[in-house]
Amino acid sequence: MSFAAPLSAVQSLPHHQLISFSLQPICPTPRDNFALSLDAELAFNAPNCIEDKEMRAKADRLPLSAKLNEHIGRKDFVDCFSVELGEVGSHITIDELARSFATTPPKWAQFLLMLRNILVKPFGLRIKFDGNQSQKGECRPGELINFFRIYYRDNNEILMGDDDTHLDYRVSVYRLPNRPKKLYAATWVHRHNWVGYSYLFLIKPFHKLIVRSMVTRGARSLS
């Protein structure tokens, strides 16, 4: 059984009772689960929880200087999340940042992607992505990071995504030259037909959860 109790109440318990408690955490752990239980070590882990909270992705607006803005039309879908990287992240190249964020999906997101591939195959949508994976060094247009194809790269932004019969999309991994500690991850989608509109409508709630989780996990892996 899990109990929600203030930290002061836990600290006042005798030691033999303290170690037998299982408490619902006051602040999230790095694993992004909605419900986790902690033992009495919560009192010692509280500073780490505060640090993790600071490295959690939040909804934001992509700066106008990002190249992704050149793609955006009036009826296109766009969203953006940002995260504070800290001092360590400010010295990492945009290529390493893109690889970190694009290769850290949670396991439940990998399952949803497998399910997606099964469901869309009868409609002729792409489920395989051919190309060389970008492993290290500078990313090159045409290479892949996971299943994202790279379309553009400079020292502060990488655009990756895919073009298909139902929609085109790009993901921008971007940081301002004068503020390298903050990273933006924005998604742009241009729909071609009713299949594209229906597809985006169905996946949008999962898309937001997945991107937010990947940005958060990527930032924490760098720290």
C-alpha atoms as a PDB file:
ATOM      1  CA  MET A   1       0.000   0.000   0.000  1.00  0.00           C
ATOM      2  CA  SER A   2       1.194   3.530  -0.726  1.00  0.00           C
ATOM      3  CA  PHE A   3       0.558   6.541   1.463  1.00  0.00           C
ATOM      4  CA  ALA A   4       0.861  10.239   0.701  1.00  0.00           C
ATOM      5  CA  ALA A   5       2.448  11.934   3.702  1.00  0.00           C
ATOM      6  CA  PRO A   6       4.418  15.118   4.310  1.00  0.00           C
ATOM      7  CA  LEU A   7       8.181  14.715   4.575  1.00  0.00           C
ATOM      8  CA  SER A   8       8.226  16.072   8.132  1.00  0.00           C
ATOM      9  CA  ALA A   9       5.935  13.251   9.217  1.00  0.00           C
ATOM     10  CA  VAL A  10       8.305  10.672   7.759  1.00  0.00           C
ATOM     11  CA  GLN A  11      11.370  12.180   9.424  1.00  0.00           C
ATOM     12  CA  SER A  12       9.658  12.098  12.839  1.00  0.00           C
ATOM     13  CA  LEU A  13       9.042   8.334  12.752  1.00  0.00           C
ATOM     14  CA  PRO A  14      11.263   5.888  14.627  1.00  0.00           C
ATOM     15  CA  HIS A  15      13.853   4.221  12.432  1.00  0.00           C
ATOM     16  CA  HIS A  16      12.329   0.738  12.660  1.00  0.00           C
ATOM     17  CA  GLN A  17       9.017   2.117  11.328  1.00  0.00           C
ATOM     18  CA  LEU A  18      10.637   4.357   8.744  1.00  0.00           C
ATOM     19  CA  ILE A  19      12.152   1.598   6.671  1.00  0.00           C
ATOM     20  CA  SER A  20       8.858  -0.291   6.408  1.00  0.00           C
ATOM     21  CA  PHE A  21       6.940   2.496   4.749  1.00  0.00           C
ATOM     22  CA  SER A  22       6.318   2.732   0.992  1.00  0.00           C
ATOM     23  CA  LEU A  23       5.404   6.267   0.024  1.00  0.00           C
ATOM     24  CA  GLN A  24       4.159   7.880  -3.133  1.00  0.00           C
ATOM     25  CA  PRO A  25       6.897  10.349  -4.216  1.00  0.00           C
ATOM     26  CA  ILE A  26       6.401  14.022  -3.561  1.00  0.00           C
ATOM     27  CA  CYS A  27       8.309  14.880  -6.772  1.00  0.00           C
ATOM     28  CA  PRO A  28       8.852  12.751  -9.897  1.00  0.00           C
ATOM     29  CA  THR A  29      11.762  10.441 -10.483  1.00  0.00           C
ATOM     30  CA  PRO A  30      13.697  10.379 -13.781  1.00  0.00           C
ATOM     31  CA  ARG A  31      11.673   7.487 -15.173  1.00  0.00           C
ATOM     32  CA  ASP A  32       8.633   9.564 -16.080  1.00  0.00           C
ATOM     33  CA  ASN A  33       6.171   7.062 -14.634  1.00  0.00           C
ATOM     34  CA  PHE A  34       2.873   8.440 -13.428  1.00  0.00           C
ATOM     35  CA  ALA A  35       2.817   6.397 -10.216  1.00  0.00           C
ATOM     36  CA  LEU A  36       5.953   5.188  -8.454  1.00  0.00           C
ATOM     37  CA  SER A  37       6.586   4.283  -4.842  1.00  0.00           C
ATOM     38  CA  LEU A  38       9.667   5.196  -2.838  1.00  0.00           C
ATOM     39  CA  ASP A  39      10.958   3.956   0.480  1.00  0.00           C
ATOM     40  CA  ALA A  40      12.044   6.274   3.238  1.00  0.00           C
ATOM     41  CA  GLU A  41      15.087   7.242   1.105  1.00  0.00           C
ATOM     42  CA  LEU A  42      12.831   9.974  -0.301  1.00  0.00           C
ATOM     43  CA  ALA A  43      14.260  12.349   2.287  1.00  0.00           C
ATOM     44  CA  PHE A  44      17.749  11.855   0.863  1.00  0.00           C
ATOM     45  CA  ASN A  45      16.685  11.941  -2.792  1.00  0.00           C
ATOM     46  CA  ALA A  46      14.674  15.165  -2.584  1.00  0.00           C
ATOM     47  CA  PRO A  47      17.493  17.361  -4.046  1.00  0.00           C
ATOM     48  CA  ASN A  48      17.743  15.059  -7.084  1.00  0.00           C
ATOM     49  CA  CYS A  49      13.985  15.339  -7.602  1.00  0.00           C
ATOM     50  CA  ILE A  50      14.249  19.115  -7.706  1.00  0.00           C
ATOM     51  CA  GLU A  51      17.055  18.935 -10.281  1.00  0.00           C
ATOM     52  CA  ASP A  52      15.058  16.513 -12.450  1.00  0.00           C
ATOM     53  CA  LYS A  53      12.044  18.808 -12.328  1.00  0.00           C
ATOM     54  CA  GLU A  54      14.162  21.623 -13.759  1.00  0.00           C
ATOM     55  CA  MET A  55      15.135  19.369 -16.693  1.00  0.00           C
ATOM     56  CA  ARG A  56      11.556  18.553 -17.672  1.00  0.00           C
ATOM     57  CA  ALA A  57      10.325  19.611 -21.121  1.00  0.00           C
ATOM     58  CA  LYS A  58       7.554  22.178 -21.260  1.00  0.00           C
ATOM     59  CA  ALA A  59       5.391  23.650 -24.029  1.00  0.00           C
ATOM     60  CA  ASP A  60       6.995  26.676 -25.637  1.00  0.00           C
ATOM     61  CA  ARG A  61       7.155  28.762 -28.823  1.00  0.00           C
ATOM     62  CA  LEU A  62       9.864  28.199 -31.406  1.00  0.00           C
ATOM     63  CA  PRO A  63      12.002  31.335 -31.905  1.00  0.00           C
ATOM     64  CA  LEU A  64      11.449  33.098 -35.230  1.00  0.00           C
ATOM     65  CA  SER A  65      15.137  32.653 -36.129  1.00  0.00           C
ATOM     66  CA  ALA A  66      14.706  28.866 -36.519  1.00  0.00           C
ATOM     67  CA  LYS A  67      14.755  27.628 -40.112  1.00  0.00           C
ATOM     68  CA  LEU A  68      11.698  25.451 -39.524  1.00  0.00           C
ATOM     69  CA  ASN A  69       9.581  28.606 -39.663  1.00  0.00           C
ATOM     70  CA  GLU A  70      10.203  28.774 -43.416  1.00  0.00           C
ATOM     71  CA  HIS A  71       8.019  25.659 -43.846  1.00  0.00           C
ATOM     72  CA  ILE A  72       5.018  26.759 -41.822  1.00  0.00           C
ATOM     73  CA  GLY A  73       1.810  27.527 -43.714  1.00  0.00           C
ATOM     74  CA  ARG A  74      -1.517  28.845 -42.466  1.00  0.00           C
ATOM     75  CA  LYS A  75      -3.205  25.451 -42.054  1.00  0.00           C
ATOM     76  CA  ASP A  76      -0.167  23.494 -40.907  1.00  0.00           C
ATOM     77  CA  PHE A  77       0.208  21.903 -37.486  1.00  0.00           C
ATOM     78  CA  VAL A  78       3.064  23.110 -35.273  1.00  0.00           C
ATOM     79  CA  ASP A  79       3.985  22.477 -31.676  1.00  0.00           C
ATOM     80  CA  CYS A  80       7.123  23.035 -29.650  1.00  0.00           C
ATOM     81  CA  PHE A  81       8.717  21.946 -26.387  1.00  0.00           C
ATOM     82  CA  SER A  82      11.815  23.311 -24.699  1.00  0.00           C
ATOM     83  CA  VAL A  83      14.152  22.179 -21.948  1.00  0.00           C
ATOM     84  CA  GLU A  84      16.984  23.721 -19.977  1.00  0.00           C
ATOM     85  CA  LEU A  85      20.181  21.749 -20.578  1.00  0.00           C
ATOM     86  CA  GLY A  86      22.408  23.219 -17.898  1.00  0.00           C
ATOM     87  CA  GLU A  87      26.082  24.028 -18.199  1.00  0.00           C
ATOM     88  CA  VAL A  88      27.092  20.612 -19.574  1.00  0.00           C
ATOM     89  CA  GLY A  89      24.509  20.682 -22.356  1.00  0.00           C
ATOM     90  CA  SER A  90      25.616  24.101 -23.570  1.00  0.00           C
ATOM     91  CA  HIS A  91      28.937  22.635 -24.727  1.00  0.00           C
ATOM     92  CA  ILE A  92      27.444  19.705 -26.664  1.00  0.00           C
ATOM     93  CA  THR A  93      27.175  19.925 -30.445  1.00  0.00           C
ATOM     94  CA  ILE A  94      23.786  20.173 -32.112  1.00  0.00           C
ATOM     95  CA  ASP A  95      24.501  16.788 -33.745  1.00  0.00           C
ATOM     96  CA  GLU A  96      24.937  15.038 -30.400  1.00  0.00           C
ATOM     97  CA  LEU A  97      21.849  16.773 -29.053  1.00  0.00           C
ATOM     98  CA  ALA A  98      19.735  15.595 -31.995  1.00  0.00           C
ATOM     99  CA  ARG A  99      20.972  12.009 -31.591  1.00  0.00           C
ATOM    100  CA  SER A 100      20.274  12.096 -27.863  1.00  0.00           C
ATOM    101  CA  PHE A 101      16.686  13.275 -28.300  1.00  0.00           C
ATOM    102  CA  ALA A 102      15.773  11.162 -31.330  1.00  0.00           C
ATOM    103  CA  THR A 103      17.030   7.889 -29.870  1.00  0.00           C
ATOM    104  CA  THR A 104      15.449   8.005 -26.395  1.00  0.00           C
ATOM    105  CA  PRO A 105      11.777   7.068 -26.868  1.00  0.00           C
ATOM    106  CA  PRO A 106      10.138   5.375 -23.861  1.00  0.00           C
ATOM    107  CA  LYS A 107       9.313   1.697 -24.250  1.00  0.00           C
ATOM    108  CA  TRP A 108       5.581   2.350 -24.424  1.00  0.00           C
ATOM    109  CA  ALA A 109       6.218   4.704 -27.367  1.00  0.00           C
ATOM    110  CA  GLN A 110       8.156   1.978 -29.174  1.00  0.00           C
ATOM    111  CA  PHE A 111       5.171  -0.310 -28.719  1.00  0.00           C
ATOM    112  CA  LEU A 112       2.834   2.356 -30.147  1.00  0.00           C
ATOM    113  CA  LEU A 113       5.123   2.756 -33.165  1.00  0.00           C
ATOM    114  CA  MET A 114       4.980  -0.983 -33.830  1.00  0.00           C
ATOM    115  CA  LEU A 115       1.182  -0.860 -33.555  1.00  0.00           C
ATOM    116  CA  ARG A 116       1.101   2.149 -35.886  1.00  0.00           C
ATOM    117  CA  ASN A 117       3.089   0.291 -38.540  1.00  0.00           C
ATOM    118  CA  ILE A 118       0.650  -2.620 -38.435  1.00  0.00           C
ATOM    119  CA  LEU A 119      -2.412  -0.382 -38.718  1.00  0.00           C
ATOM    120  CA  VAL A 120      -1.192   1.906 -41.534  1.00  0.00           C
ATOM    121  CA  LYS A 121       0.355  -0.764 -43.749  1.00  0.00           C
ATOM    122  CA  PRO A 122      -2.932  -1.473 -45.608  1.00  0.00           C
ATOM    123  CA  PHE A 123      -3.123   2.244 -46.520  1.00  0.00           C
ATOM    124  CA  GLY A 124       0.273   2.213 -48.203  1.00  0.00           C
ATOM    125  CA  LEU A 125       1.963   4.524 -45.702  1.00  0.00           C
ATOM    126  CA  ARG A 126       5.700   4.182 -45.212  1.00  0.00           C
ATOM    127  CA  ILE A 127       6.820   1.848 -42.445  1.00  0.00           C
ATOM    128  CA  LYS A 128      10.459   1.262 -43.491  1.00  0.00           C
ATOM    129  CA  PHE A 129      13.162   3.899 -43.718  1.00  0.00           C
ATOM    130  CA  ASP A 130      16.258   3.181 -45.798  1.00  0.00           C
ATOM    131  CA  GLY A 131      19.541   4.994 -45.289  1.00  0.00           C
ATOM    132  CA  ASN A 132      22.707   5.131 -43.241  1.00  0.00           C
ATOM    133  CA  GLN A 133      22.393   5.911 -39.563  1.00  0.00           C
ATOM    134  CA  SER A 134      24.250   8.988 -38.332  1.00  0.00           C
ATOM    135  CA  GLN A 135      26.471   7.486 -35.652  1.00  0.00           C
ATOM    136  CA  LYS A 136      28.948  10.214 -34.724  1.00  0.00           C
ATOM    137  CA  GLY A 137      30.413  13.493 -35.860  1.00  0.00           C
ATOM    138  CA  GLU A 138      28.542  15.965 -38.023  1.00  0.00           C
ATOM    139  CA  CYS A 139      25.121  14.915 -39.321  1.00  0.00           C
ATOM    140  CA  ARG A 140      24.683  14.897 -43.091  1.00  0.00           C
ATOM    141  CA  PRO A 141      21.473  15.458 -45.062  1.00  0.00           C
ATOM    142  CA  GLY A 142      20.106  12.100 -46.214  1.00  0.00           C
ATOM    143  CA  GLU A 143      21.340  10.194 -43.173  1.00  0.00           C
ATOM    144  CA  LEU A 144      18.972   8.829 -40.555  1.00  0.00           C
ATOM    145  CA  ILE A 145      18.767   9.368 -36.816  1.00  0.00           C
ATOM    146  CA  ASN A 146      16.597   6.465 -35.724  1.00  0.00           C
ATOM    147  CA  PHE A 147      13.735   6.721 -38.286  1.00  0.00           C
ATOM    148  CA  PHE A 148      14.131  10.493 -38.825  1.00  0.00           C
ATOM    149  CA  ARG A 149      15.747  11.504 -42.123  1.00  0.00           C
ATOM    150  CA  ILE A 150      18.027  14.544 -41.903  1.00  0.00           C
ATOM    151  CA  TYR A 151      17.099  17.356 -44.306  1.00  0.00           C
ATOM    152  CA  TYR A 152      19.127  20.300 -43.008  1.00  0.00           C
ATOM    153  CA  ARG A 153      21.928  21.009 -40.586  1.00  0.00           C
ATOM    154  CA  ASP A 154      23.834  24.019 -39.264  1.00  0.00           C
ATOM    155  CA  ASN A 155      25.619  24.606 -35.971  1.00  0.00           C
ATOM    156  CA  ASN A 156      22.394  25.532 -34.141  1.00  0.00           C
ATOM    157  CA  GLU A 157      19.631  23.525 -35.842  1.00  0.00           C
ATOM    158  CA  ILE A 158      18.916  20.160 -37.396  1.00  0.00           C
ATOM    159  CA  LEU A 159      15.765  19.472 -39.399  1.00  0.00           C
ATOM    160  CA  MET A 160      14.698  15.859 -39.761  1.00  0.00           C
ATOM    161  CA  GLY A 161      11.514  14.054 -40.708  1.00  0.00           C
ATOM    162  CA  ASP A 162       9.928  12.502 -43.784  1.00  0.00           C
ATOM    163  CA  ASP A 163       7.662  13.155 -46.773  1.00  0.00           C
ATOM    164  CA  ASP A 164       4.841  10.715 -47.462  1.00  0.00           C
ATOM    165  CA  THR A 165       1.655  10.531 -49.503  1.00  0.00           C
ATOM    166  CA  HIS A 166      -0.594  11.613 -46.615  1.00  0.00           C
ATOM    167  CA  LEU A 167       1.604  14.273 -44.986  1.00  0.00           C
ATOM    168  CA  ASP A 168       5.063  15.802 -44.695  1.00  0.00           C
ATOM    169  CA  TYR A 169       6.636  16.511 -41.337  1.00  0.00           C
ATOM    170  CA  ARG A 170       9.811  17.994 -39.902  1.00  0.00           C
ATOM    171  CA  VAL A 171      11.258  18.001 -36.416  1.00  0.00           C
ATOM    172  CA  SER A 172      13.539  20.893 -35.527  1.00  0.00           C
ATOM    173  CA  VAL A 173      16.179  20.504 -32.828  1.00  0.00           C
ATOM    174  CA  TYR A 174      17.225  24.102 -32.284  1.00  0.00           C
ATOM    175  CA  ARG A 175      19.024  26.385 -29.867  1.00  0.00           C
ATOM    176  CA  LEU A 176      19.619  30.109 -29.954  1.00  0.00           C
ATOM    177  CA  PRO A 177      23.274  31.034 -30.595  1.00  0.00           C
ATOM    178  CA  ASN A 178      23.212  33.461 -27.665  1.00  0.00           C
ATOM    179  CA  ARG A 179      21.467  31.038 -25.292  1.00  0.00           C
ATOM    180  CA  PRO A 180      22.960  27.563 -25.781  1.00  0.00           C
ATOM    181  CA  LYS A 181      21.675  26.186 -22.460  1.00  0.00           C
ATOM    182  CA  LYS A 182      18.075  26.063 -23.716  1.00  0.00           C
ATOM    183  CA  LEU A 183      17.028  23.605 -26.412  1.00  0.00           C
ATOM    184  CA  TYR A 184      13.846  23.637 -28.508  1.00  0.00           C
ATOM    185  CA  ALA A 185      12.213  20.641 -30.188  1.00  0.00           C
ATOM    186  CA  ALA A 186       9.452  21.644 -32.601  1.00  0.00           C
ATOM    187  CA  THR A 187       7.278  19.576 -34.945  1.00  0.00           C
ATOM    188  CA  TRP A 188       5.743  20.812 -38.197  1.00  0.00           C
ATOM    189  CA  VAL A 189       3.151  18.808 -40.158  1.00  0.00           C
ATOM    190  CA  HIS A 190       1.698  19.604 -43.570  1.00  0.00           C
ATOM    191  CA  ARG A 191      -1.299  17.406 -44.474  1.00  0.00           C
ATOM    192  CA  HIS A 192      -1.993  16.502 -48.103  1.00  0.00           C
ATOM    193  CA  ASN A 193      -5.407  14.835 -47.945  1.00  0.00           C
ATOM    194  CA  TRP A 194      -8.108  13.375 -45.706  1.00  0.00           C
ATOM    195  CA  VAL A 195      -5.809  10.508 -44.720  1.00  0.00           C
ATOM    196  CA  GLY A 196      -3.278  13.016 -43.410  1.00  0.00           C
ATOM    197  CA  TYR A 197      -5.924  14.952 -41.473  1.00  0.00           C
ATOM    198  CA  SER A 198      -7.373  11.753 -39.983  1.00  0.00           C
ATOM    199  CA  TYR A 199      -3.945  10.361 -39.158  1.00  0.00           C
ATOM    200  CA  LEU A 200      -2.823  13.490 -37.308  1.00  0.00           C
ATOM    201  CA  PHE A 201      -6.139  13.736 -35.437  1.00  0.00           C
ATOM    202  CA  LEU A 202      -5.687  10.186 -34.117  1.00  0.00           C
ATOM    203  CA  ILE A 203      -2.030  10.410 -33.137  1.00  0.00           C
ATOM    204  CA  LYS A 204      -1.886  13.998 -31.825  1.00  0.00           C
ATOM    205  CA  PRO A 205      -2.481  13.136 -28.123  1.00  0.00           C
ATOM    206  CA  PHE A 206       0.187  10.426 -28.246  1.00  0.00           C
ATOM    207  CA  HIS A 207       2.530  12.656 -30.247  1.00  0.00           C
ATOM    208  CA  LYS A 208       2.596  15.294 -27.520  1.00  0.00           C
ATOM    209  CA  LEU A 209       3.262  12.734 -24.798  1.00  0.00           C
ATOM    210  CA  ILE A 210       5.998  11.044 -26.806  1.00  0.00           C
ATOM    211  CA  VAL A 211       7.822  14.235 -27.796  1.00  0.00           C
ATOM    212  CA  ARG A 212       7.664  15.679 -24.292  1.00  0.00           C
ATOM    213  CA  SER A 213       9.009  12.398 -22.894  1.00  0.00           C
ATOM    214  CA  MET A 214      11.811  12.154 -25.485  1.00  0.00           C
ATOM    215  CA  VAL A 215      12.940  15.736 -24.877  1.00  0.00           C
ATOM    216  CA  THR A 216      12.943  15.195 -21.108  1.00  0.00           C
ATOM    217  CA  ARG A 217      14.759  11.863 -21.323  1.00  0.00           C
ATOM    218  CA  GLY A 218      17.283  13.228 -23.779  1.00  0.00           C
ATOM    219  CA  ALA A 219      18.141  16.176 -21.537  1.00  0.00           C
ATOM    220  CA  ARG A 220      18.540  13.969 -18.480  1.00  0.00           C
ATOM    221  CA  SER A 221      20.747  11.487 -20.332  1.00  0.00           C
ATOM    222  CA  LEU A 222      23.128  14.339 -21.167  1.00  0.00           C
ATOM    223  CA  SER A 223      23.366  15.433 -17.540  1.00  0.00           C
END
